[in-house]
Amino acid sequence: MTAKETGVDTLKYDLLTEIQGRMEAELLQSYLEAHEVPVILIQEAAGHNVYPVMVDGLGRVQVFVPKEKSAEARELLSDFQGRAQE
C-alpha cells in the first residue's frame, strides 16, 4: 500500500517504519506518543481481524509521524527496537 492510497498527507507526514502486527505497532505508537511524537497507524482493512493475519503483508502496519518530528522518531524507533531485543 502506498502513502497515497492510505490518505496520509505526505507533505506533512513521513513513513517511519512498517511493522508486522497491530499489537507491536500500537506498542510503538504508545512509546512515541509518550515522547510527544504524534503517530498515525495505517493497516489494510483485511488485516483488522480478531485473529492475526500475516499472509501477503495483510498484517503489516505502516507507522507515520509528522515530518518535523521524523529525526526524533527515528532515534526513538532505534531505542525501541533495542529494548525489544533485550
Protein backbone atom coordinates (compact mmCIF):
# COMPACT_ATOMS: atom_id res chain seq x y z
CA MET A 1 0.00 0.00 0.00
CA THR A 2 1.41 3.40 -0.91
CA ALA A 3 1.17 6.53 1.20
CA LYS A 4 -1.20 7.99 -1.39
CA GLU A 5 -3.53 5.00 -1.01
CA THR A 6 -3.61 5.50 2.77
CA GLY A 7 -4.83 9.08 2.51
CA VAL A 8 -1.90 10.33 4.63
CA ASP A 9 -0.66 13.78 3.60
CA THR A 10 2.94 13.03 2.58
CA LEU A 11 3.75 16.75 2.67
CA LYS A 12 3.20 16.68 6.43
CA TYR A 13 3.99 13.06 7.39
CA ASP A 14 6.86 10.63 6.83
CA LEU A 15 6.62 6.86 6.83
CA LEU A 16 8.71 5.91 9.85
CA THR A 17 8.51 2.14 9.51
CA GLU A 18 6.32 -0.83 8.66
CA ILE A 19 5.64 -3.35 11.40
CA GLN A 20 4.24 -6.84 11.12
CA GLY A 21 1.33 -6.96 13.54
CA ARG A 22 -1.06 -4.44 15.04
CA MET A 23 -0.11 -5.13 18.65
CA GLU A 24 3.57 -4.26 18.16
CA ALA A 25 2.57 -1.19 16.13
CA GLU A 26 0.37 0.00 18.99
CA LEU A 27 3.23 -0.55 21.47
CA LEU A 28 5.48 1.61 19.27
CA GLN A 29 2.70 4.20 18.98
CA SER A 30 2.41 4.39 22.78
CA TYR A 31 6.18 4.70 23.14
CA LEU A 32 6.43 7.52 20.58
CA GLU A 33 3.41 9.38 21.93
CA ALA A 34 4.88 9.16 25.46
CA HIS A 35 7.81 11.12 23.98
CA GLU A 36 5.41 13.66 22.42
CA VAL A 37 5.67 12.32 18.87
CA PRO A 38 2.21 12.06 17.25
CA VAL A 39 1.59 8.85 15.29
CA ILE A 40 -0.80 7.68 12.58
CA LEU A 41 -1.14 3.91 12.12
CA ILE A 42 -2.43 2.61 8.79
CA GLN A 43 -3.37 -1.00 8.11
CA GLU A 44 -5.35 -2.53 5.28
CA ALA A 45 -8.89 -3.40 6.35
CA ALA A 46 -8.35 -7.12 5.69
CA GLY A 47 -5.64 -7.08 8.35
CA HIS A 48 -8.07 -5.94 11.08
CA ASN A 49 -9.14 -9.31 12.39
CA VAL A 50 -9.65 -10.99 15.72
CA TYR A 51 -7.06 -13.49 14.54
CA PRO A 52 -3.62 -12.26 13.48
CA VAL A 53 -3.18 -12.21 9.69
CA MET A 54 0.37 -12.49 8.40
CA VAL A 55 -0.24 -13.53 4.80
CA ASP A 56 0.90 -11.33 1.89
CA GLY A 57 1.53 -8.34 4.14
CA LEU A 58 -2.04 -8.07 5.41
CA GLY A 59 -0.78 -7.90 8.99
CA ARG A 60 1.59 -5.08 8.08
CA VAL A 61 1.01 -1.73 9.76
CA GLN A 62 2.53 1.49 8.45
CA VAL A 63 3.65 3.99 11.07
CA PHE A 64 3.60 7.67 10.05
CA VAL A 65 4.97 10.63 12.03
CA PRO A 66 4.98 14.39 11.33
CA LYS A 67 7.94 15.43 9.18
CA GLU A 68 9.17 17.89 11.82
CA LYS A 69 9.40 15.00 14.34
CA SER A 70 10.87 12.48 11.90
CA ALA A 71 14.51 12.63 13.09
CA GLU A 72 13.47 12.37 16.74
CA ALA A 73 11.10 9.50 15.89
CA ARG A 74 13.89 7.58 14.11
CA GLU A 75 16.11 7.85 17.20
CA LEU A 76 13.23 6.70 19.41
CA LEU A 77 12.49 3.82 17.00
CA SER A 78 16.10 2.67 17.27
CA ASP A 79 15.86 2.80 21.06
CA PHE A 80 12.50 0.97 20.99
CA GLN A 81 13.91 -1.81 18.79
CA GLY A 82 16.99 -2.13 21.02
CA ARG A 83 14.83 -2.54 24.11
CA ALA A 84 12.67 -5.14 22.34
CA GLN A 85 15.74 -7.27 21.59
CA GLU A 86 16.93 -7.24 25.23
